[in-house]
């Protein structure tokens, strides 16, 4: 039996998909990348914002056509959209044979078997604990970088976010299980391990009674085969001294941190239910740069949040200009059902949201170019990701760039390099978001 997987949304969803793929493969199912050849199709959905919801619905409808007209015998929907709209999916899309919630990955084998036997399954495990699946996780990123999800759920309850309702409260994965999973990934060829969760900074509080991310990172640094360890999704108010020291002192940990701050106006931060002020954000950014001078900081912002005035927007622009984040992304506010922000007064018009987003990104582009130009002349370590077609050049990433969200370094060389190789590169030029360089030395392991 051939199984085709559609994995939508964030990297946390991707980890769930890879674990389910591993479980299915260990049970004897064949994994295919051709939906027309699939006997079973699984869609792992997202519904974080409106566009993600629409993409998930469209994907289910497209896969339903293979159930109607192709050889597909079973269509299974799992994940965030399934958790949130379980009844609507079964009612509106009769081709769907099983709907599983966000904590039901462990039931994927039973759901597939039941669907093949003609049964309709609804399975929604309580949003408690961490499902552990059989088999070895199947890597789908190309093999040289992989994500390690260290926790599930979130306790923050920001007013715009539905995640706590569809993923549950914060639950850390036991450290010994994470170390075991990381060793397996390293044995399969992973060189860059990317630490993720809805929030990574409070890892361990529920299990060990205190923040333990720094302890986990030190243990992960002991794993042979791993060259880079990158940390994403650190809530700024939860960053603590031992974590900063560990990132600074452990050689395998990239001097890169993702801080989703969302805004900088105290008025908007309060309406968002965030737990920081503008001054606190300035303080933590200053602390990180003082302690780790070459650190690269990424952040994300929401523009057009209900009640955001032109003055609030200009305050955010001034903050971005002052902080000079090396990496920055912007989302326009998306009102989500069952969140407090969706019913707030003073909703901002879509065209205003888009205009404000464009203004911030234009400013950030200037900051990014300036940062790139400041790197010219430096020698950096880069991981090769692939070759540029028909040119003596390769695409790589430095510690300053997370895969899929940041930029690249284009490396001019006539040497033969392989994906996953590490090379020393002298930076010779800068584009808007990317760098240009040339090989300076032999391979660096």
Protein backbone atom coordinates (compact mmCIF):
# COMPACT_ATOMS: atom_id res chain seq x y z
CA UNK A 1 0.00 0.00 0.00
CA UNK A 2 1.35 3.40 -1.04
CA UNK A 3 0.92 6.43 1.24
CA UNK A 4 1.21 10.06 0.15
CA UNK A 5 1.62 12.80 2.76
CA UNK A 6 0.75 16.49 2.50
CA UNK A 7 2.35 18.44 5.35
CA UNK A 8 1.22 22.05 5.67
CA UNK A 9 2.05 24.90 8.03
CA UNK A 10 4.96 25.24 10.41
CA UNK A 11 8.09 23.22 11.09
CA UNK A 12 6.39 21.81 14.21
CA UNK A 13 3.80 20.24 11.92
CA UNK A 14 6.61 18.90 9.75
CA UNK A 15 8.06 17.03 12.72
CA UNK A 16 4.66 15.43 13.39
CA UNK A 17 4.44 14.39 9.73
CA UNK A 18 7.93 12.88 9.73
CA UNK A 19 7.16 10.88 12.87
CA UNK A 20 3.93 9.55 11.34
CA UNK A 21 5.77 8.68 8.12
CA UNK A 22 8.30 6.73 10.15
CA UNK A 23 5.56 4.83 11.99
CA UNK A 24 3.78 3.98 8.74
CA UNK A 25 6.99 2.87 7.05
CA UNK A 26 7.87 0.64 10.02
CA UNK A 27 4.45 -1.00 9.64
CA UNK A 28 5.22 -1.94 6.05
CA UNK A 29 3.54 0.87 4.12
CA UNK A 30 5.36 2.31 1.12
CA UNK A 31 5.83 6.08 1.03
CA UNK A 32 5.27 7.73 -2.35
CA UNK A 33 5.78 11.28 -3.61
CA UNK A 34 3.16 10.76 -6.33
CA UNK A 35 -0.38 11.44 -5.15
CA UNK A 36 -1.87 9.76 -8.20
CA UNK A 37 -0.17 6.50 -7.19
CA UNK A 38 -1.29 6.63 -3.56
CA UNK A 39 -3.69 4.18 -1.97
CA UNK A 40 -3.82 6.31 1.16
CA UNK A 41 -3.47 10.11 1.40
CA UNK A 42 -2.84 11.92 4.68
CA UNK A 43 -3.19 15.71 4.94
CA UNK A 44 -1.56 17.27 8.02
CA UNK A 45 -3.28 20.63 8.27
CA UNK A 46 -2.68 24.13 9.62
CA UNK A 47 -5.11 26.86 10.64
CA UNK A 48 -2.92 29.41 12.42
CA UNK A 49 -4.04 32.29 10.20
CA UNK A 50 -6.72 32.69 7.54
CA UNK A 51 -4.39 32.00 4.59
CA UNK A 52 -3.15 28.79 6.22
CA UNK A 53 -6.73 27.69 6.80
CA UNK A 54 -7.62 28.30 3.16
CA UNK A 55 -4.53 26.41 1.99
CA UNK A 56 -5.45 23.42 4.17
CA UNK A 57 -9.04 23.33 2.92
CA UNK A 58 -7.88 23.56 -0.68
CA UNK A 59 -5.39 20.73 -0.16
CA UNK A 60 -8.08 18.46 1.31
CA UNK A 61 -10.41 19.19 -1.62
CA UNK A 62 -7.64 18.52 -4.13
CA UNK A 63 -6.77 15.20 -2.49
CA UNK A 64 -10.47 14.29 -2.34
CA UNK A 65 -10.46 14.25 -6.14
CA UNK A 66 -8.00 11.33 -6.07
CA UNK A 67 -10.47 9.51 -3.84
CA UNK A 68 -13.24 10.15 -6.38
CA UNK A 69 -11.33 9.56 -9.58
CA UNK A 70 -8.01 7.91 -8.74
CA UNK A 71 -6.80 4.83 -6.92
CA UNK A 72 -6.92 6.44 -3.46
CA UNK A 73 -8.89 4.25 -1.07
CA UNK A 74 -8.51 6.30 2.12
CA UNK A 75 -8.24 10.03 2.84
CA UNK A 76 -7.15 11.04 6.33
CA UNK A 77 -7.06 14.58 7.74
CA UNK A 78 -5.06 15.37 10.86
CA UNK A 79 -3.61 18.40 12.65
CA UNK A 80 -4.73 21.87 13.62
CA UNK A 81 -7.59 22.36 11.15
CA UNK A 82 -8.85 18.88 12.00
CA UNK A 83 -8.78 19.65 15.73
CA UNK A 84 -10.63 22.90 15.26
CA UNK A 85 -13.19 22.03 12.57
CA UNK A 86 -13.71 18.30 13.05
CA UNK A 87 -17.48 18.28 12.53
CA UNK A 88 -17.39 20.58 9.52
CA UNK A 89 -14.78 18.45 7.74
CA UNK A 90 -16.80 15.25 8.02
CA UNK A 91 -20.02 17.01 7.07
CA UNK A 92 -18.74 19.07 4.16
CA UNK A 93 -16.15 16.69 2.66
CA UNK A 94 -17.64 13.17 2.64
CA UNK A 95 -14.54 11.75 0.91
CA UNK A 96 -12.65 12.09 4.21
CA UNK A 97 -12.45 8.73 6.01
CA UNK A 98 -10.73 9.80 9.24
CA UNK A 99 -10.23 13.03 11.18
CA UNK A 100 -7.54 13.06 13.89
CA UNK A 101 -6.69 15.85 16.32
CA UNK A 102 -3.39 17.51 17.12
CA UNK A 103 -2.46 14.97 19.82
CA UNK A 104 -3.62 11.88 17.93
CA UNK A 105 -0.57 11.12 15.78
CA UNK A 106 -0.10 7.90 17.74
CA UNK A 107 -3.37 6.60 16.31
CA UNK A 108 -2.42 7.04 12.66
CA UNK A 109 -1.85 3.31 12.06
CA UNK A 110 -5.25 2.37 13.46
CA UNK A 111 -6.92 5.15 11.47
CA UNK A 112 -5.35 3.99 8.22
CA UNK A 113 -6.35 0.38 8.82
CA UNK A 114 -9.92 1.35 9.74
CA UNK A 115 -10.22 3.55 6.65
CA UNK A 116 -9.06 0.72 4.39
CA UNK A 117 -11.77 -1.46 5.96
CA UNK A 118 -14.40 1.15 5.12
CA UNK A 119 -14.82 2.63 8.60
CA UNK A 120 -15.02 6.35 9.35
CA UNK A 121 -12.83 7.37 12.29
CA UNK A 122 -12.91 10.42 14.54
CA UNK A 123 -10.06 10.43 17.03
CA UNK A 124 -9.26 13.34 19.33
CA UNK A 125 -6.97 12.46 22.19
CA UNK A 126 -6.98 14.85 25.18
CA UNK A 127 -4.46 17.65 24.77
CA UNK A 128 -2.24 16.16 27.44
CA UNK A 129 1.10 14.38 27.34
CA UNK A 130 3.29 13.74 24.31
CA UNK A 131 2.45 11.00 21.78
CA UNK A 132 5.33 8.59 21.10
CA UNK A 133 5.18 6.75 17.78
CA UNK A 134 6.86 3.49 16.75
CA UNK A 135 9.54 3.38 14.10
CA UNK A 136 12.35 5.75 13.17
CA UNK A 137 11.36 9.25 12.11
CA UNK A 138 11.57 9.73 8.34
CA UNK A 139 13.62 12.79 7.37
CA UNK A 140 12.18 14.90 4.56
CA UNK A 141 14.31 18.05 4.62
CA UNK A 142 17.18 16.65 2.59
CA UNK A 143 19.02 15.19 5.52
CA UNK A 144 21.53 17.83 6.58
CA UNK A 145 19.31 19.88 8.83
CA UNK A 146 16.40 18.71 10.94
CA UNK A 147 14.03 20.07 13.54
CA UNK A 148 13.81 18.82 17.12
CA UNK A 149 10.47 19.70 18.69
CA UNK A 150 11.08 19.98 22.43
CA UNK A 151 7.57 20.85 23.64
CA UNK A 152 3.94 20.94 22.63
CA UNK A 153 1.25 23.57 23.27
CA UNK A 154 1.43 27.02 24.82
CA UNK A 155 0.33 28.75 28.03
CA UNK A 156 0.64 32.37 26.89
CA UNK A 157 -2.89 32.96 25.49
CA UNK A 158 -2.03 35.99 23.37
CA UNK A 159 -5.29 37.61 22.31
CA UNK A 160 -4.75 36.96 18.57
CA UNK A 161 -3.68 33.32 18.83
CA UNK A 162 -5.71 30.10 18.70
CA UNK A 163 -2.81 27.73 19.42
CA UNK A 164 -3.56 27.04 23.13
CA UNK A 165 -7.09 25.96 22.19
CA UNK A 166 -6.02 23.57 19.46
CA UNK A 167 -2.66 22.40 20.85
CA UNK A 168 -3.29 22.58 24.60
CA UNK A 169 -1.14 23.85 27.43
CA UNK A 170 2.66 23.77 27.38
CA UNK A 171 4.09 20.26 27.70
CA UNK A 172 7.84 19.60 27.59
CA UNK A 173 9.17 16.44 25.98
CA UNK A 174 11.32 14.51 28.51
CA UNK A 175 15.00 15.31 28.06
CA UNK A 176 16.13 11.69 27.72
CA UNK A 177 13.68 11.17 24.85
CA UNK A 178 14.93 14.32 23.09
CA UNK A 179 18.55 13.22 23.40
CA UNK A 180 17.65 9.81 21.99
CA UNK A 181 15.81 11.43 19.07
CA UNK A 182 18.69 13.82 18.40
CA UNK A 183 21.20 10.95 18.35
CA UNK A 184 19.04 9.10 15.82
CA UNK A 185 18.92 12.20 13.60
CA UNK A 186 22.69 12.62 13.84
CA UNK A 187 23.19 8.96 12.92
CA UNK A 188 21.02 9.53 9.85
CA UNK A 189 23.25 12.41 8.73
CA UNK A 190 21.80 15.51 10.36
CA UNK A 191 24.49 18.17 10.83
CA UNK A 192 22.33 21.11 11.89
CA UNK A 193 19.73 20.55 14.62
CA UNK A 194 17.09 23.25 14.92
CA UNK A 195 15.35 23.51 18.29
CA UNK A 196 11.66 24.37 18.02
CA UNK A 197 8.46 24.55 20.07
CA UNK A 198 5.66 27.06 20.30
CA UNK A 199 8.05 28.57 22.82
CA UNK A 200 11.46 27.09 23.56
CA UNK A 201 12.63 29.33 26.41
CA UNK A 202 10.49 27.78 29.18
CA UNK A 203 11.40 24.21 28.28
CA UNK A 204 11.40 21.98 31.35
CA UNK A 205 9.42 24.18 33.73
CA UNK A 206 6.55 21.68 33.83
CA UNK A 207 8.80 18.60 34.16
CA UNK A 208 11.74 19.81 36.20
CA UNK A 209 10.36 22.82 38.04
CA UNK A 210 12.69 25.30 36.37
CA UNK A 211 13.79 26.51 32.95
CA UNK A 212 16.07 23.83 31.55
CA UNK A 213 16.73 24.72 27.92
CA UNK A 214 20.37 25.47 28.71
CA UNK A 215 20.75 22.02 30.27
CA UNK A 216 19.24 20.35 27.21
CA UNK A 217 21.46 22.36 24.87
CA UNK A 218 24.60 21.30 26.73
CA UNK A 219 23.59 17.65 26.42
CA UNK A 220 22.84 18.02 22.72
CA UNK A 221 26.24 19.60 22.17
CA UNK A 222 27.82 16.31 23.29
CA UNK A 223 26.32 14.40 20.34
CA UNK A 224 28.94 13.60 17.72
CA UNK A 225 27.94 14.37 14.17
CA UNK A 226 26.06 17.54 15.02
CA UNK A 227 27.95 20.64 13.92
CA UNK A 228 25.35 23.39 14.42
CA UNK A 229 22.54 23.73 16.93
CA UNK A 230 20.11 26.58 16.27
CA UNK A 231 17.41 27.85 18.65
CA UNK A 232 14.11 29.31 17.40
CA UNK A 233 11.00 30.80 19.05
CA UNK A 234 12.47 32.31 22.22
CA UNK A 235 9.97 34.59 23.92
CA UNK A 236 12.05 37.61 24.93
CA UNK A 237 10.64 37.94 28.44
CA UNK A 238 11.66 34.35 29.24
CA UNK A 239 15.31 34.59 28.19
CA UNK A 240 17.50 34.00 31.24
CA UNK A 241 21.21 34.36 32.09
CA UNK A 242 22.17 30.66 31.94
CA UNK A 243 20.66 30.39 28.47
CA UNK A 244 22.62 33.39 27.20
CA UNK A 245 25.83 31.99 28.71
CA UNK A 246 25.25 28.59 27.11
CA UNK A 247 24.64 30.06 23.65
CA UNK A 248 27.75 32.22 24.09
CA UNK A 249 30.06 29.47 25.36
CA UNK A 250 29.05 26.25 23.59
CA UNK A 251 30.83 26.14 20.24
CA UNK A 252 28.16 24.12 18.42
CA UNK A 253 25.35 26.57 19.20
CA UNK A 254 24.82 29.13 16.47
CA UNK A 255 25.03 32.74 17.61
CA UNK A 256 21.52 33.24 16.26
CA UNK A 257 18.26 33.68 18.13
CA UNK A 258 14.67 34.03 17.03
CA UNK A 259 12.69 36.46 19.22
CA UNK A 260 9.03 36.84 18.14
CA UNK A 261 8.23 40.26 19.63
CA UNK A 262 5.11 41.07 17.47
CA UNK A 263 5.12 44.82 18.24
CA UNK A 264 6.92 47.55 20.16
CA UNK A 265 4.14 49.92 21.20
CA UNK A 266 3.23 49.33 24.85
CA UNK A 267 -0.43 50.01 24.06
CA UNK A 268 -0.54 47.37 21.32
CA UNK A 269 1.55 44.87 23.27
CA UNK A 270 -0.98 45.13 26.09
CA UNK A 271 -3.92 44.60 23.73
CA UNK A 272 -2.10 41.60 22.27
CA UNK A 273 -1.74 40.07 25.73
CA UNK A 274 2.04 40.09 25.39
CA UNK A 275 4.14 40.17 28.54
CA UNK A 276 6.80 42.66 27.57
CA UNK A 277 7.15 46.41 27.20
CA UNK A 278 9.19 48.33 24.66
CA UNK A 279 11.84 49.08 27.25
CA UNK A 280 12.10 45.43 28.26
CA UNK A 281 12.56 44.49 24.60
CA UNK A 282 15.33 47.05 24.26
CA UNK A 283 16.96 45.71 27.42
CA UNK A 284 17.00 42.07 26.30
CA UNK A 285 18.26 42.95 22.81
CA UNK A 286 21.00 45.05 24.40
CA UNK A 287 21.90 42.26 26.83
CA UNK A 288 22.16 39.67 24.05
CA UNK A 289 24.35 41.91 21.91
CA UNK A 290 26.57 42.84 24.85
CA UNK A 291 27.12 39.20 25.83
CA UNK A 292 27.34 37.79 22.28
CA UNK A 293 28.61 40.58 19.99
CA UNK A 294 28.24 38.59 16.76
CA UNK A 295 24.74 37.34 17.52
CA UNK A 296 22.18 37.55 14.72
CA UNK A 297 18.64 38.32 15.88
CA UNK A 298 15.49 37.44 13.97
CA UNK A 299 12.05 38.70 14.92
CA UNK A 300 8.50 38.72 13.60
CA UNK A 301 5.95 41.51 13.76
CA UNK A 302 2.20 41.85 13.32
CA UNK A 303 0.96 44.98 11.63
CA UNK A 304 -2.60 46.29 11.64
CA UNK A 305 -3.60 44.78 14.98
CA UNK A 306 -6.99 46.06 16.21
CA UNK A 307 -6.59 49.56 17.61
CA UNK A 308 -3.19 50.15 15.99
CA UNK A 309 -3.03 53.84 15.15
CA UNK A 310 -0.70 55.58 12.75
CA UNK A 311 1.19 56.78 15.81
CA UNK A 312 1.59 53.17 17.06
CA UNK A 313 2.83 52.17 13.61
CA UNK A 314 5.38 54.97 13.52
CA UNK A 315 6.54 53.98 17.00
CA UNK A 316 7.11 50.45 15.69
CA UNK A 317 9.00 51.81 12.68
CA UNK A 318 11.24 53.87 14.97
CA UNK A 319 11.88 50.78 17.10
CA UNK A 320 12.82 48.64 14.08
CA UNK A 321 15.11 51.39 12.86
CA UNK A 322 16.78 51.66 16.25
CA UNK A 323 17.13 47.93 16.98
CA UNK A 324 18.38 47.00 13.49
CA UNK A 325 17.35 43.35 13.66
CA UNK A 326 19.46 41.41 11.20
CA UNK A 327 16.44 39.31 10.20
CA UNK A 328 12.80 40.39 10.35
CA UNK A 329 9.46 39.21 8.99
CA UNK A 330 6.04 40.89 9.06
CA UNK A 331 2.52 39.45 9.03
CA UNK A 332 -0.64 41.45 8.61
CA UNK A 333 -3.09 40.80 11.45
CA UNK A 334 -5.56 38.01 10.70
CA UNK A 335 -8.72 37.86 12.87
CA UNK A 336 -9.22 34.28 14.04
CA UNK A 337 -12.47 32.84 15.35
CA UNK A 338 -12.66 32.26 19.11
CA UNK A 339 -9.86 34.71 19.90
CA UNK A 340 -10.43 37.91 21.91
CA UNK A 341 -8.77 40.09 19.26
CA UNK A 342 -11.29 39.06 16.60
CA UNK A 343 -14.07 40.87 18.44
CA UNK A 344 -12.07 43.93 19.49
CA UNK A 345 -13.18 47.34 18.36
CA UNK A 346 -11.18 49.46 15.92
CA UNK A 347 -10.31 46.72 13.43
CA UNK A 348 -7.83 48.05 10.87
CA UNK A 349 -8.67 48.06 7.15
CA UNK A 350 -6.84 45.49 5.01
CA UNK A 351 -5.26 48.07 2.73
CA UNK A 352 -3.88 49.94 5.75
CA UNK A 353 -2.41 46.70 7.14
CA UNK A 354 -0.73 45.98 3.82
CA UNK A 355 0.62 49.52 3.48
CA UNK A 356 2.11 49.38 6.97
CA UNK A 357 3.65 45.98 6.30
CA UNK A 358 5.22 47.30 3.09
CA UNK A 359 6.67 50.32 4.93
CA UNK A 360 8.29 48.11 7.58
CA UNK A 361 9.71 45.72 5.00
CA UNK A 362 11.12 48.59 2.96
CA UNK A 363 12.86 49.87 6.07
CA UNK A 364 14.08 46.37 6.91
CA UNK A 365 15.47 45.93 3.42
CA UNK A 366 17.75 48.92 3.99
CA UNK A 367 18.82 47.48 7.36
CA UNK A 368 19.47 44.09 5.75
CA UNK A 369 21.59 45.58 2.97
CA UNK A 370 23.61 47.57 5.50
CA UNK A 371 24.17 44.44 7.59
CA UNK A 372 25.21 42.44 4.54
CA UNK A 373 27.70 45.10 3.45
CA UNK A 374 29.18 45.13 6.96
CA UNK A 375 29.99 41.42 6.51
CA UNK A 376 32.12 41.96 3.38
CA UNK A 377 35.69 40.87 4.04
CA UNK A 378 34.78 38.45 6.82
CA UNK A 379 35.52 34.73 6.61
CA UNK A 380 32.61 32.54 7.68
CA UNK A 381 31.70 28.88 7.82
CA UNK A 382 28.97 27.90 5.38
CA UNK A 383 26.96 24.73 4.89
CA UNK A 384 26.46 23.80 1.24
CA UNK A 385 22.82 23.29 0.25
CA UNK A 386 23.15 22.74 -3.49
CA UNK A 387 24.70 23.79 -6.78
CA UNK A 388 23.59 26.71 -8.96
CA UNK A 389 22.52 25.22 -12.30
CA UNK A 390 24.97 25.75 -15.19
CA UNK A 391 27.35 27.87 -13.09
CA UNK A 392 30.52 27.28 -11.07
CA UNK A 393 28.69 28.33 -7.92
CA UNK A 394 26.94 26.80 -4.93
CA UNK A 395 24.20 27.89 -2.55
CA UNK A 396 24.94 27.74 1.15
CA UNK A 397 23.93 29.10 4.53
CA UNK A 398 25.95 30.64 7.35
CA UNK A 399 25.12 30.57 11.05
CA UNK A 400 23.19 33.79 10.41
CA UNK A 401 20.55 32.09 8.27
CA UNK A 402 17.92 29.57 9.29
CA UNK A 403 16.66 27.34 6.47
CA UNK A 404 13.50 28.37 4.70
CA UNK A 405 13.15 31.79 6.32
CA UNK A 406 16.43 33.65 5.91
CA UNK A 407 18.87 34.27 3.09
CA UNK A 408 21.72 32.38 1.41
CA UNK A 409 25.34 32.83 0.52
CA UNK A 410 26.24 32.22 -3.14
CA UNK A 411 29.73 30.74 -3.35
CA UNK A 412 31.77 31.03 -6.53
CA UNK A 413 34.12 28.08 -6.95
CA UNK A 414 35.21 25.50 -9.50
CA UNK A 415 35.68 22.90 -6.76
CA UNK A 416 33.35 19.92 -6.46
CA UNK A 417 31.27 20.29 -3.30
CA UNK A 418 28.48 18.15 -1.86
CA UNK A 419 25.33 19.18 -0.02
CA UNK A 420 26.06 19.11 3.69
CA UNK A 421 29.73 20.02 3.30
CA UNK A 422 31.07 22.82 5.47
CA UNK A 423 33.47 25.26 3.81
CA UNK A 424 35.23 28.45 4.80
CA UNK A 425 34.03 31.32 2.67
CA UNK A 426 35.30 34.88 2.33
CA UNK A 427 32.37 37.28 1.84
CA UNK A 428 32.94 39.44 -1.23
CA UNK A 429 29.55 41.01 -1.85
CA UNK A 430 26.04 41.59 -0.53
CA UNK A 431 22.58 41.63 -2.08
CA UNK A 432 19.30 42.68 -0.43
CA UNK A 433 19.02 39.55 1.71
CA UNK A 434 21.84 37.31 0.45
CA UNK A 435 25.63 37.28 0.40
CA UNK A 436 28.24 36.43 -2.22
CA UNK A 437 31.54 34.75 -1.40
CA UNK A 438 34.41 32.59 -2.51
CA UNK A 439 36.15 29.56 -1.02
CA UNK A 440 39.02 30.57 1.20
CA UNK A 441 40.21 27.27 2.60
CA UNK A 442 39.84 23.52 2.57
CA UNK A 443 36.70 21.88 3.89
CA UNK A 444 36.11 22.60 7.55
CA UNK A 445 34.48 19.87 9.59
